ModelCIF file with pLDDT and N, C-alpha, C, O atoms, coordinates in Angstrom:
data_MODEL
#
_entry.id   MODEL 
#
_entity.id                         1 
_entity.type                       polymer 
_entity.pdbx_number_of_molecules   1 
#
_entity_poly.entity_id                      1 
_entity_poly.type                           'polypeptide(L)' 
_entity_poly.nstd_linkage                   no 
_entity_poly.nstd_monomer                   no 
_entity_poly.pdbx_seq_one_letter_code       SILASDYANLQTELERISTADLIHVDVMDGHFVPNISIGAPV 
_entity_poly.pdbx_seq_one_letter_code_can   SILASDYANLQTELERISTADLIHVDVMDGHFVPNISIGAPV 
_entity_poly.pdbx_strand_id                 A 
#
loop_
_entity_poly_seq.entity_id 
_entity_poly_seq.num 
_entity_poly_seq.mon_id 
_entity_poly_seq.hetero 
1 1  SER n 
1 2  ILE n 
1 3  LEU n 
1 4  ALA n 
1 5  SER n 
1 6  ASP n 
1 7  TYR n 
1 8  ALA n 
1 9  ASN n 
1 10 LEU n 
1 11 GLN n 
1 12 THR n 
1 13 GLU n 
1 14 LEU n 
1 15 GLU n 
1 16 ARG n 
1 17 ILE n 
1 18 SER n 
1 19 THR n 
1 20 ALA n 
1 21 ASP n 
1 22 LEU n 
1 23 ILE n 
1 24 HIS n 
1 25 VAL n 
1 26 ASP n 
1 27 VAL n 
1 28 MET n 
1 29 ASP n 
1 30 GLY n 
1 31 HIS n 
1 32 PHE n 
1 33 VAL n 
1 34 PRO n 
1 35 ASN n 
1 36 ILE n 
1 37 SER n 
1 38 ILE n 
1 39 GLY n 
1 40 ALA n 
1 41 PRO n 
1 42 VAL n 
#
_struct_asym.id          A 
_struct_asym.entity_id   1 
#
loop_
_ma_qa_metric.id 
_ma_qa_metric.mode 
_ma_qa_metric.name 
_ma_qa_metric.software_group_id 
_ma_qa_metric.type 
1 global pLDDT . pLDDT 
2 local  pLDDT . pLDDT 
#
_ma_qa_metric_global.metric_id      1 
_ma_qa_metric_global.metric_value   93.76 
_ma_qa_metric_global.model_id       1 
_ma_qa_metric_global.ordinal_id     1 
#
loop_
_ma_qa_metric_local.label_asym_id 
_ma_qa_metric_local.label_comp_id 
_ma_qa_metric_local.label_seq_id 
_ma_qa_metric_local.metric_id 
_ma_qa_metric_local.metric_value 
_ma_qa_metric_local.model_id 
_ma_qa_metric_local.ordinal_id 
A SER 1  2 95.00 1 1  
A ILE 2  2 95.00 1 2  
A LEU 3  2 91.00 1 3  
A ALA 4  2 92.00 1 4  
A SER 5  2 94.00 1 5  
A ASP 6  2 93.00 1 6  
A TYR 7  2 91.00 1 7  
A ALA 8  2 94.00 1 8  
A ASN 9  2 94.00 1 9  
A LEU 10 2 94.00 1 10 
A GLN 11 2 96.00 1 11 
A THR 12 2 96.00 1 12 
A GLU 13 2 96.00 1 13 
A LEU 14 2 96.00 1 14 
A GLU 15 2 96.00 1 15 
A ARG 16 2 95.00 1 16 
A ILE 17 2 97.00 1 17 
A SER 18 2 96.00 1 18 
A THR 19 2 97.00 1 19 
A ALA 20 2 98.00 1 20 
A ASP 21 2 98.00 1 21 
A LEU 22 2 98.00 1 22 
A ILE 23 2 97.00 1 23 
A HIS 24 2 97.00 1 24 
A VAL 25 2 96.00 1 25 
A ASP 26 2 95.00 1 26 
A VAL 27 2 96.00 1 27 
A MET 28 2 92.00 1 28 
A ASP 29 2 93.00 1 29 
A GLY 30 2 90.00 1 30 
A HIS 31 2 92.00 1 31 
A PHE 32 2 91.00 1 32 
A VAL 33 2 91.00 1 33 
A PRO 34 2 84.00 1 34 
A ASN 35 2 87.00 1 35 
A ILE 36 2 87.00 1 36 
A SER 37 2 90.00 1 37 
A ILE 38 2 90.00 1 38 
A GLY 39 2 92.00 1 39 
A ALA 40 2 95.00 1 40 
A PRO 41 2 96.00 1 41 
A VAL 42 2 95.00 1 42 
#
loop_
_atom_site.group_PDB 
_atom_site.id 
_atom_site.type_symbol 
_atom_site.label_atom_id 
_atom_site.label_alt_id 
_atom_site.label_comp_id 
_atom_site.label_asym_id 
_atom_site.label_entity_id 
_atom_site.label_seq_id 
_atom_site.pdbx_PDB_ins_code 
_atom_site.Cartn_x 
_atom_site.Cartn_y 
_atom_site.Cartn_z 
_atom_site.occupancy 
_atom_site.B_iso_or_equiv 
_atom_site.pdbx_formal_charge 
_atom_site.auth_seq_id 
_atom_site.auth_comp_id 
_atom_site.auth_asym_id 
_atom_site.auth_atom_id 
_atom_site.pdbx_PDB_model_num 
ATOM 1   N N  . SER A 1 1  ? -54.906 -125.402 162.551 1.00 95.00 ? 1  SER A N  1 
ATOM 2   C CA . SER A 1 1  ? -55.545 -126.689 162.297 1.00 95.00 ? 1  SER A CA 1 
ATOM 3   C C  . SER A 1 1  ? -56.772 -126.863 163.169 1.00 95.00 ? 1  SER A C  1 
ATOM 4   O O  . SER A 1 1  ? -56.677 -126.844 164.396 1.00 95.00 ? 1  SER A O  1 
ATOM 5   N N  . ILE A 1 2  ? -57.927 -127.034 162.537 1.00 95.00 ? 2  ILE A N  1 
ATOM 6   C CA . ILE A 1 2  ? -59.150 -127.191 163.319 1.00 95.00 ? 2  ILE A CA 1 
ATOM 7   C C  . ILE A 1 2  ? -59.210 -128.532 164.040 1.00 95.00 ? 2  ILE A C  1 
ATOM 8   O O  . ILE A 1 2  ? -60.143 -128.787 164.802 1.00 95.00 ? 2  ILE A O  1 
ATOM 9   N N  . LEU A 1 3  ? -58.217 -129.392 163.803 1.00 91.00 ? 3  LEU A N  1 
ATOM 10  C CA . LEU A 1 3  ? -58.153 -130.648 164.551 1.00 91.00 ? 3  LEU A CA 1 
ATOM 11  C C  . LEU A 1 3  ? -58.049 -130.373 166.048 1.00 91.00 ? 3  LEU A C  1 
ATOM 12  O O  . LEU A 1 3  ? -58.477 -131.184 166.869 1.00 91.00 ? 3  LEU A O  1 
ATOM 13  N N  . ALA A 1 4  ? -57.477 -129.226 166.393 1.00 92.00 ? 4  ALA A N  1 
ATOM 14  C CA . ALA A 1 4  ? -57.291 -128.866 167.799 1.00 92.00 ? 4  ALA A CA 1 
ATOM 15  C C  . ALA A 1 4  ? -58.421 -127.999 168.333 1.00 92.00 ? 4  ALA A C  1 
ATOM 16  O O  . ALA A 1 4  ? -58.375 -127.551 169.479 1.00 92.00 ? 4  ALA A O  1 
ATOM 17  N N  . SER A 1 5  ? -59.432 -127.761 167.510 1.00 94.00 ? 5  SER A N  1 
ATOM 18  C CA . SER A 1 5  ? -60.533 -126.885 167.923 1.00 94.00 ? 5  SER A CA 1 
ATOM 19  C C  . SER A 1 5  ? -61.618 -127.658 168.665 1.00 94.00 ? 5  SER A C  1 
ATOM 20  O O  . SER A 1 5  ? -61.550 -128.879 168.807 1.00 94.00 ? 5  SER A O  1 
ATOM 21  N N  . ASP A 1 6  ? -62.614 -126.919 169.134 1.00 93.00 ? 6  ASP A N  1 
ATOM 22  C CA . ASP A 1 6  ? -63.783 -127.513 169.781 1.00 93.00 ? 6  ASP A CA 1 
ATOM 23  C C  . ASP A 1 6  ? -64.798 -127.840 168.692 1.00 93.00 ? 6  ASP A C  1 
ATOM 24  O O  . ASP A 1 6  ? -65.481 -126.948 168.187 1.00 93.00 ? 6  ASP A O  1 
ATOM 25  N N  . TYR A 1 7  ? -64.896 -129.104 168.334 1.00 91.00 ? 7  TYR A N  1 
ATOM 26  C CA . TYR A 1 7  ? -65.764 -129.502 167.226 1.00 91.00 ? 7  TYR A CA 1 
ATOM 27  C C  . TYR A 1 7  ? -67.248 -129.260 167.509 1.00 91.00 ? 7  TYR A C  1 
ATOM 28  O O  . TYR A 1 7  ? -68.059 -129.232 166.584 1.00 91.00 ? 7  TYR A O  1 
ATOM 29  N N  . ALA A 1 8  ? -67.598 -129.089 168.765 1.00 94.00 ? 8  ALA A N  1 
ATOM 30  C CA . ALA A 1 8  ? -68.993 -128.825 169.104 1.00 94.00 ? 8  ALA A CA 1 
ATOM 31  C C  . ALA A 1 8  ? -69.377 -127.379 168.793 1.00 94.00 ? 8  ALA A C  1 
ATOM 32  O O  . ALA A 1 8  ? -70.558 -127.032 168.761 1.00 94.00 ? 8  ALA A O  1 
ATOM 33  N N  . ASN A 1 9  ? -68.353 -126.534 168.563 1.00 94.00 ? 9  ASN A N  1 
ATOM 34  C CA . ASN A 1 9  ? -68.592 -125.118 168.312 1.00 94.00 ? 9  ASN A CA 1 
ATOM 35  C C  . ASN A 1 9  ? -67.714 -124.623 167.165 1.00 94.00 ? 9  ASN A C  1 
ATOM 36  O O  . ASN A 1 9  ? -67.017 -123.618 167.303 1.00 94.00 ? 9  ASN A O  1 
ATOM 37  N N  . LEU A 1 10 ? -67.747 -125.319 166.050 1.00 94.00 ? 10 LEU A N  1 
ATOM 38  C CA . LEU A 1 10 ? -66.819 -125.014 164.957 1.00 94.00 ? 10 LEU A CA 1 
ATOM 39  C C  . LEU A 1 10 ? -66.994 -123.614 164.387 1.00 94.00 ? 10 LEU A C  1 
ATOM 40  O O  . LEU A 1 10 ? -66.003 -122.959 164.063 1.00 94.00 ? 10 LEU A O  1 
ATOM 41  N N  . GLN A 1 11 ? -68.219 -123.142 164.257 1.00 96.00 ? 11 GLN A N  1 
ATOM 42  C CA . GLN A 1 11 ? -68.396 -121.802 163.711 1.00 96.00 ? 11 GLN A CA 1 
ATOM 43  C C  . GLN A 1 11 ? -67.757 -120.758 164.627 1.00 96.00 ? 11 GLN A C  1 
ATOM 44  O O  . GLN A 1 11 ? -67.084 -119.843 164.152 1.00 96.00 ? 11 GLN A O  1 
ATOM 45  N N  . THR A 1 12 ? -67.962 -120.892 165.912 1.00 96.00 ? 12 THR A N  1 
ATOM 46  C CA . THR A 1 12 ? -67.352 -119.967 166.874 1.00 96.00 ? 12 THR A CA 1 
ATOM 47  C C  . THR A 1 12 ? -65.838 -120.071 166.828 1.00 96.00 ? 12 THR A C  1 
ATOM 48  O O  . THR A 1 12 ? -65.142 -119.057 166.883 1.00 96.00 ? 12 THR A O  1 
ATOM 49  N N  . GLU A 1 13 ? -65.333 -121.270 166.728 1.00 96.00 ? 13 GLU A N  1 
ATOM 50  C CA . GLU A 1 13 ? -63.883 -121.476 166.679 1.00 96.00 ? 13 GLU A CA 1 
ATOM 51  C C  . GLU A 1 13 ? -63.286 -120.834 165.429 1.00 96.00 ? 13 GLU A C  1 
ATOM 52  O O  . GLU A 1 13 ? -62.203 -120.251 165.486 1.00 96.00 ? 13 GLU A O  1 
ATOM 53  N N  . LEU A 1 14 ? -63.985 -120.939 164.309 1.00 96.00 ? 14 LEU A N  1 
ATOM 54  C CA . LEU A 1 14 ? -63.497 -120.326 163.076 1.00 96.00 ? 14 LEU A CA 1 
ATOM 55  C C  . LEU A 1 14 ? -63.485 -118.804 163.190 1.00 96.00 ? 14 LEU A C  1 
ATOM 56  O O  . LEU A 1 14 ? -62.600 -118.145 162.643 1.00 96.00 ? 14 LEU A O  1 
ATOM 57  N N  . GLU A 1 15 ? -64.452 -118.254 163.891 1.00 96.00 ? 15 GLU A N  1 
ATOM 58  C CA . GLU A 1 15 ? -64.485 -116.800 164.099 1.00 96.00 ? 15 GLU A CA 1 
ATOM 59  C C  . GLU A 1 15 ? -63.292 -116.343 164.932 1.00 96.00 ? 15 GLU A C  1 
ATOM 60  O O  . GLU A 1 15 ? -62.796 -115.230 164.753 1.00 96.00 ? 15 GLU A O  1 
ATOM 61  N N  . ARG A 1 16 ? -62.833 -117.195 165.837 1.00 95.00 ? 16 ARG A N  1 
ATOM 62  C CA . ARG A 1 16 ? -61.688 -116.854 166.697 1.00 95.00 ? 16 ARG A CA 1 
ATOM 63  C C  . ARG A 1 16 ? -60.377 -116.790 165.912 1.00 95.00 ? 16 ARG A C  1 
ATOM 64  O O  . ARG A 1 16 ? -59.411 -116.177 166.366 1.00 95.00 ? 16 ARG A O  1 
ATOM 65  N N  . ILE A 1 17 ? -60.338 -117.425 164.730 1.00 97.00 ? 17 ILE A N  1 
ATOM 66  C CA . ILE A 1 17 ? -59.099 -117.450 163.939 1.00 97.00 ? 17 ILE A CA 1 
ATOM 67  C C  . ILE A 1 17 ? -59.293 -116.748 162.593 1.00 97.00 ? 17 ILE A C  1 
ATOM 68  O O  . ILE A 1 17 ? -58.654 -117.098 161.601 1.00 97.00 ? 17 ILE A O  1 
ATOM 69  N N  . SER A 1 18 ? -60.175 -115.762 162.573 1.00 96.00 ? 18 SER A N  1 
ATOM 70  C CA . SER A 1 18 ? -60.496 -115.082 161.313 1.00 96.00 ? 18 SER A CA 1 
ATOM 71  C C  . SER A 1 18 ? -59.322 -114.303 160.729 1.00 96.00 ? 18 SER A C  1 
ATOM 72  O O  . SER A 1 18 ? -59.355 -113.925 159.558 1.00 96.00 ? 18 SER A O  1 
ATOM 73  N N  . THR A 1 19 ? -58.286 -114.058 161.528 1.00 97.00 ? 19 THR A N  1 
ATOM 74  C CA . THR A 1 19 ? -57.105 -113.336 161.021 1.00 97.00 ? 19 THR A CA 1 
ATOM 75  C C  . THR A 1 19 ? -56.061 -114.277 160.419 1.00 97.00 ? 19 THR A C  1 
ATOM 76  O O  . THR A 1 19 ? -55.004 -113.831 159.974 1.00 97.00 ? 19 THR A O  1 
ATOM 77  N N  . ALA A 1 20 ? -56.356 -115.563 160.406 1.00 98.00 ? 20 ALA A N  1 
ATOM 78  C CA . ALA A 1 20 ? -55.422 -116.533 159.823 1.00 98.00 ? 20 ALA A CA 1 
ATOM 79  C C  . ALA A 1 20 ? -55.362 -116.370 158.305 1.00 98.00 ? 20 ALA A C  1 
ATOM 80  O O  . ALA A 1 20 ? -56.269 -115.810 157.689 1.00 98.00 ? 20 ALA A O  1 
ATOM 81  N N  . ASP A 1 21 ? -54.290 -116.863 157.724 1.00 98.00 ? 21 ASP A N  1 
ATOM 82  C CA . ASP A 1 21 ? -54.131 -116.803 156.270 1.00 98.00 ? 21 ASP A CA 1 
ATOM 83  C C  . ASP A 1 21 ? -54.849 -117.962 155.588 1.00 98.00 ? 21 ASP A C  1 
ATOM 84  O O  . ASP A 1 21 ? -55.359 -117.825 154.476 1.00 98.00 ? 21 ASP A O  1 
ATOM 85  N N  . LEU A 1 22 ? -54.880 -119.097 156.266 1.00 98.00 ? 22 LEU A N  1 
ATOM 86  C CA . LEU A 1 22 ? -55.515 -120.309 155.771 1.00 98.00 ? 22 LEU A CA 1 
ATOM 87  C C  . LEU A 1 22 ? -56.162 -121.028 156.942 1.00 98.00 ? 22 LEU A C  1 
ATOM 88  O O  . LEU A 1 22 ? -55.824 -120.773 158.097 1.00 98.00 ? 22 LEU A O  1 
ATOM 89  N N  . ILE A 1 23 ? -57.095 -121.929 156.644 1.00 97.00 ? 23 ILE A N  1 
ATOM 90  C CA . ILE A 1 23 ? -57.656 -122.838 157.643 1.00 97.00 ? 23 ILE A CA 1 
ATOM 91  C C  . ILE A 1 23 ? -57.212 -124.244 157.267 1.00 97.00 ? 23 ILE A C  1 
ATOM 92  O O  . ILE A 1 23 ? -57.526 -124.725 156.178 1.00 97.00 ? 23 ILE A O  1 
ATOM 93  N N  . HIS A 1 24 ? -56.481 -124.907 158.162 1.00 97.00 ? 24 HIS A N  1 
ATOM 94  C CA . HIS A 1 24 ? -55.987 -126.254 157.879 1.00 97.00 ? 24 HIS A CA 1 
ATOM 95  C C  . HIS A 1 24 ? -57.023 -127.277 158.330 1.00 97.00 ? 24 HIS A C  1 
ATOM 96  O O  . HIS A 1 24 ? -57.414 -127.319 159.496 1.00 97.00 ? 24 HIS A O  1 
ATOM 97  N N  . VAL A 1 25 ? -57.458 -128.102 157.377 1.00 96.00 ? 25 VAL A N  1 
ATOM 98  C CA . VAL A 1 25 ? -58.489 -129.103 157.651 1.00 96.00 ? 25 VAL A CA 1 
ATOM 99  C C  . VAL A 1 25 ? -57.886 -130.492 157.465 1.00 96.00 ? 25 VAL A C  1 
ATOM 100 O O  . VAL A 1 25 ? -57.562 -130.894 156.348 1.00 96.00 ? 25 VAL A O  1 
ATOM 101 N N  . ASP A 1 26 ? -57.740 -131.216 158.565 1.00 95.00 ? 26 ASP A N  1 
ATOM 102 C CA . ASP A 1 26 ? -57.160 -132.559 158.529 1.00 95.00 ? 26 ASP A CA 1 
ATOM 103 C C  . ASP A 1 26 ? -58.241 -133.597 158.268 1.00 95.00 ? 26 ASP A C  1 
ATOM 104 O O  . ASP A 1 26 ? -59.209 -133.711 159.020 1.00 95.00 ? 26 ASP A O  1 
ATOM 105 N N  . VAL A 1 27 ? -58.060 -134.348 157.193 1.00 96.00 ? 27 VAL A N  1 
ATOM 106 C CA . VAL A 1 27 ? -59.009 -135.401 156.827 1.00 96.00 ? 27 VAL A CA 1 
ATOM 107 C C  . VAL A 1 27 ? -58.297 -136.741 156.970 1.00 96.00 ? 27 VAL A C  1 
ATOM 108 O O  . VAL A 1 27 ? -57.305 -136.998 156.287 1.00 96.00 ? 27 VAL A O  1 
ATOM 109 N N  . MET A 1 28 ? -58.806 -137.594 157.858 1.00 92.00 ? 28 MET A N  1 
ATOM 110 C CA . MET A 1 28 ? -58.188 -138.897 158.126 1.00 92.00 ? 28 MET A CA 1 
ATOM 111 C C  . MET A 1 28 ? -59.198 -140.016 157.892 1.00 92.00 ? 28 MET A C  1 
ATOM 112 O O  . MET A 1 28 ? -60.379 -139.891 158.216 1.00 92.00 ? 28 MET A O  1 
ATOM 113 N N  . ASP A 1 29 ? -58.702 -141.110 157.322 1.00 93.00 ? 29 ASP A N  1 
ATOM 114 C CA . ASP A 1 29 ? -59.625 -142.177 156.917 1.00 93.00 ? 29 ASP A CA 1 
ATOM 115 C C  . ASP A 1 29 ? -59.580 -143.429 157.788 1.00 93.00 ? 29 ASP A C  1 
ATOM 116 O O  . ASP A 1 29 ? -60.308 -144.388 157.530 1.00 93.00 ? 29 ASP A O  1 
ATOM 117 N N  . GLY A 1 30 ? -58.733 -143.430 158.817 1.00 90.00 ? 30 GLY A N  1 
ATOM 118 C CA . GLY A 1 30 ? -58.630 -144.621 159.658 1.00 90.00 ? 30 GLY A CA 1 
ATOM 119 C C  . GLY A 1 30 ? -57.873 -145.753 159.012 1.00 90.00 ? 30 GLY A C  1 
ATOM 120 O O  . GLY A 1 30 ? -57.803 -146.852 159.564 1.00 90.00 ? 30 GLY A O  1 
ATOM 121 N N  . HIS A 1 31 ? -57.297 -145.497 157.835 1.00 92.00 ? 31 HIS A N  1 
ATOM 122 C CA . HIS A 1 31 ? -56.540 -146.517 157.109 1.00 92.00 ? 31 HIS A CA 1 
ATOM 123 C C  . HIS A 1 31 ? -55.134 -146.028 156.809 1.00 92.00 ? 31 HIS A C  1 
ATOM 124 O O  . HIS A 1 31 ? -54.155 -146.667 157.197 1.00 92.00 ? 31 HIS A O  1 
ATOM 125 N N  . PHE A 1 32 ? -55.027 -144.890 156.115 1.00 91.00 ? 32 PHE A N  1 
ATOM 126 C CA . PHE A 1 32 ? -53.710 -144.305 155.860 1.00 91.00 ? 32 PHE A CA 1 
ATOM 127 C C  . PHE A 1 32 ? -53.068 -143.877 157.171 1.00 91.00 ? 32 PHE A C  1 
ATOM 128 O O  . PHE A 1 32 ? -51.859 -144.003 157.361 1.00 91.00 ? 32 PHE A O  1 
ATOM 129 N N  . VAL A 1 33 ? -53.903 -143.368 158.069 1.00 91.00 ? 33 VAL A N  1 
ATOM 130 C CA . VAL A 1 33 ? -53.504 -143.063 159.447 1.00 91.00 ? 33 VAL A CA 1 
ATOM 131 C C  . VAL A 1 33 ? -54.517 -143.733 160.369 1.00 91.00 ? 33 VAL A C  1 
ATOM 132 O O  . VAL A 1 33 ? -55.632 -144.030 159.939 1.00 91.00 ? 33 VAL A O  1 
ATOM 133 N N  . PRO A 1 34 ? -54.152 -143.977 161.628 1.00 84.00 ? 34 PRO A N  1 
ATOM 134 C CA . PRO A 1 34 ? -55.037 -144.742 162.512 1.00 84.00 ? 34 PRO A CA 1 
ATOM 135 C C  . PRO A 1 34 ? -56.351 -144.044 162.869 1.00 84.00 ? 34 PRO A C  1 
ATOM 136 O O  . PRO A 1 34 ? -57.358 -144.709 163.115 1.00 84.00 ? 34 PRO A O  1 
ATOM 137 N N  . ASN A 1 35 ? -56.348 -142.722 162.897 1.00 87.00 ? 35 ASN A N  1 
ATOM 138 C CA . ASN A 1 35 ? -57.538 -142.009 163.336 1.00 87.00 ? 35 ASN A CA 1 
ATOM 139 C C  . ASN A 1 35 ? -58.491 -141.694 162.187 1.00 87.00 ? 35 ASN A C  1 
ATOM 140 O O  . ASN A 1 35 ? -58.119 -141.753 161.015 1.00 87.00 ? 35 ASN A O  1 
ATOM 141 N N  . ILE A 1 36 ? -59.725 -141.358 162.549 1.00 87.00 ? 36 ILE A N  1 
ATOM 142 C CA . ILE A 1 36 ? -60.738 -140.892 161.608 1.00 87.00 ? 36 ILE A CA 1 
ATOM 143 C C  . ILE A 1 36 ? -61.156 -139.496 162.064 1.00 87.00 ? 36 ILE A C  1 
ATOM 144 O O  . ILE A 1 36 ? -61.396 -139.271 163.250 1.00 87.00 ? 36 ILE A O  1 
ATOM 145 N N  . SER A 1 37 ? -61.243 -138.555 161.114 1.00 90.00 ? 37 SER A N  1 
ATOM 146 C CA . SER A 1 37 ? -61.649 -137.204 161.514 1.00 90.00 ? 37 SER A CA 1 
ATOM 147 C C  . SER A 1 37 ? -62.942 -136.811 160.816 1.00 90.00 ? 37 SER A C  1 
ATOM 148 O O  . SER A 1 37 ? -64.011 -137.303 161.177 1.00 90.00 ? 37 SER A O  1 
ATOM 149 N N  . ILE A 1 38 ? -62.860 -135.929 159.818 1.00 90.00 ? 38 ILE A N  1 
ATOM 150 C CA . ILE A 1 38 ? -64.071 -135.423 159.168 1.00 90.00 ? 38 ILE A CA 1 
ATOM 151 C C  . ILE A 1 38 ? -64.033 -135.678 157.670 1.00 90.00 ? 38 ILE A C  1 
ATOM 152 O O  . ILE A 1 38 ? -62.988 -136.007 157.107 1.00 90.00 ? 38 ILE A O  1 
ATOM 153 N N  . GLY A 1 39 ? -65.190 -135.519 157.031 1.00 92.00 ? 39 GLY A N  1 
ATOM 154 C CA . GLY A 1 39 ? -65.282 -135.722 155.597 1.00 92.00 ? 39 GLY A CA 1 
ATOM 155 C C  . GLY A 1 39 ? -65.788 -134.487 154.890 1.00 92.00 ? 39 GLY A C  1 
ATOM 156 O O  . GLY A 1 39 ? -65.912 -133.421 155.493 1.00 92.00 ? 39 GLY A O  1 
ATOM 157 N N  . ALA A 1 40 ? -66.080 -134.633 153.612 1.00 95.00 ? 40 ALA A N  1 
ATOM 158 C CA . ALA A 1 40 ? -66.499 -133.513 152.771 1.00 95.00 ? 40 ALA A CA 1 
ATOM 159 C C  . ALA A 1 40 ? -67.762 -132.803 153.280 1.00 95.00 ? 40 ALA A C  1 
ATOM 160 O O  . ALA A 1 40 ? -67.827 -131.578 153.171 1.00 95.00 ? 40 ALA A O  1 
ATOM 161 N N  . PRO A 1 41 ? -68.767 -133.498 153.827 1.00 96.00 ? 41 PRO A N  1 
ATOM 162 C CA . PRO A 1 41 ? -69.963 -132.781 154.292 1.00 96.00 ? 41 PRO A CA 1 
ATOM 163 C C  . PRO A 1 41 ? -69.662 -131.741 155.371 1.00 96.00 ? 41 PRO A C  1 
ATOM 164 O O  . PRO A 1 41 ? -70.273 -130.673 155.391 1.00 96.00 ? 41 PRO A O  1 
ATOM 165 N N  . VAL A 1 42 ? -68.730 -132.048 156.261 1.00 95.00 ? 42 VAL A N  1 
ATOM 166 C CA . VAL A 1 42 ? -68.371 -131.081 157.302 1.00 95.00 ? 42 VAL A CA 1 
ATOM 167 C C  . VAL A 1 42 ? -67.639 -129.895 156.687 1.00 95.00 ? 42 VAL A C  1 
ATOM 168 O O  . VAL A 1 42 ? -67.253 -128.970 157.402 1.00 95.00 ? 42 VAL A O  1 
#
C-alpha cells in the first residue's frame, strides 16, 4: 500500500516495490472515512 510510502518520492518508492504482484492505492474522500488521500490525477 503506497499509503505507507514517502509521497514526496513516489516514483522511487514504486521502484523499491517492483517485485510486488499489485500496487495497492488507497483513495479516501474525507467522508466515507475521516481522512483524505489521493485522487485520479495522482
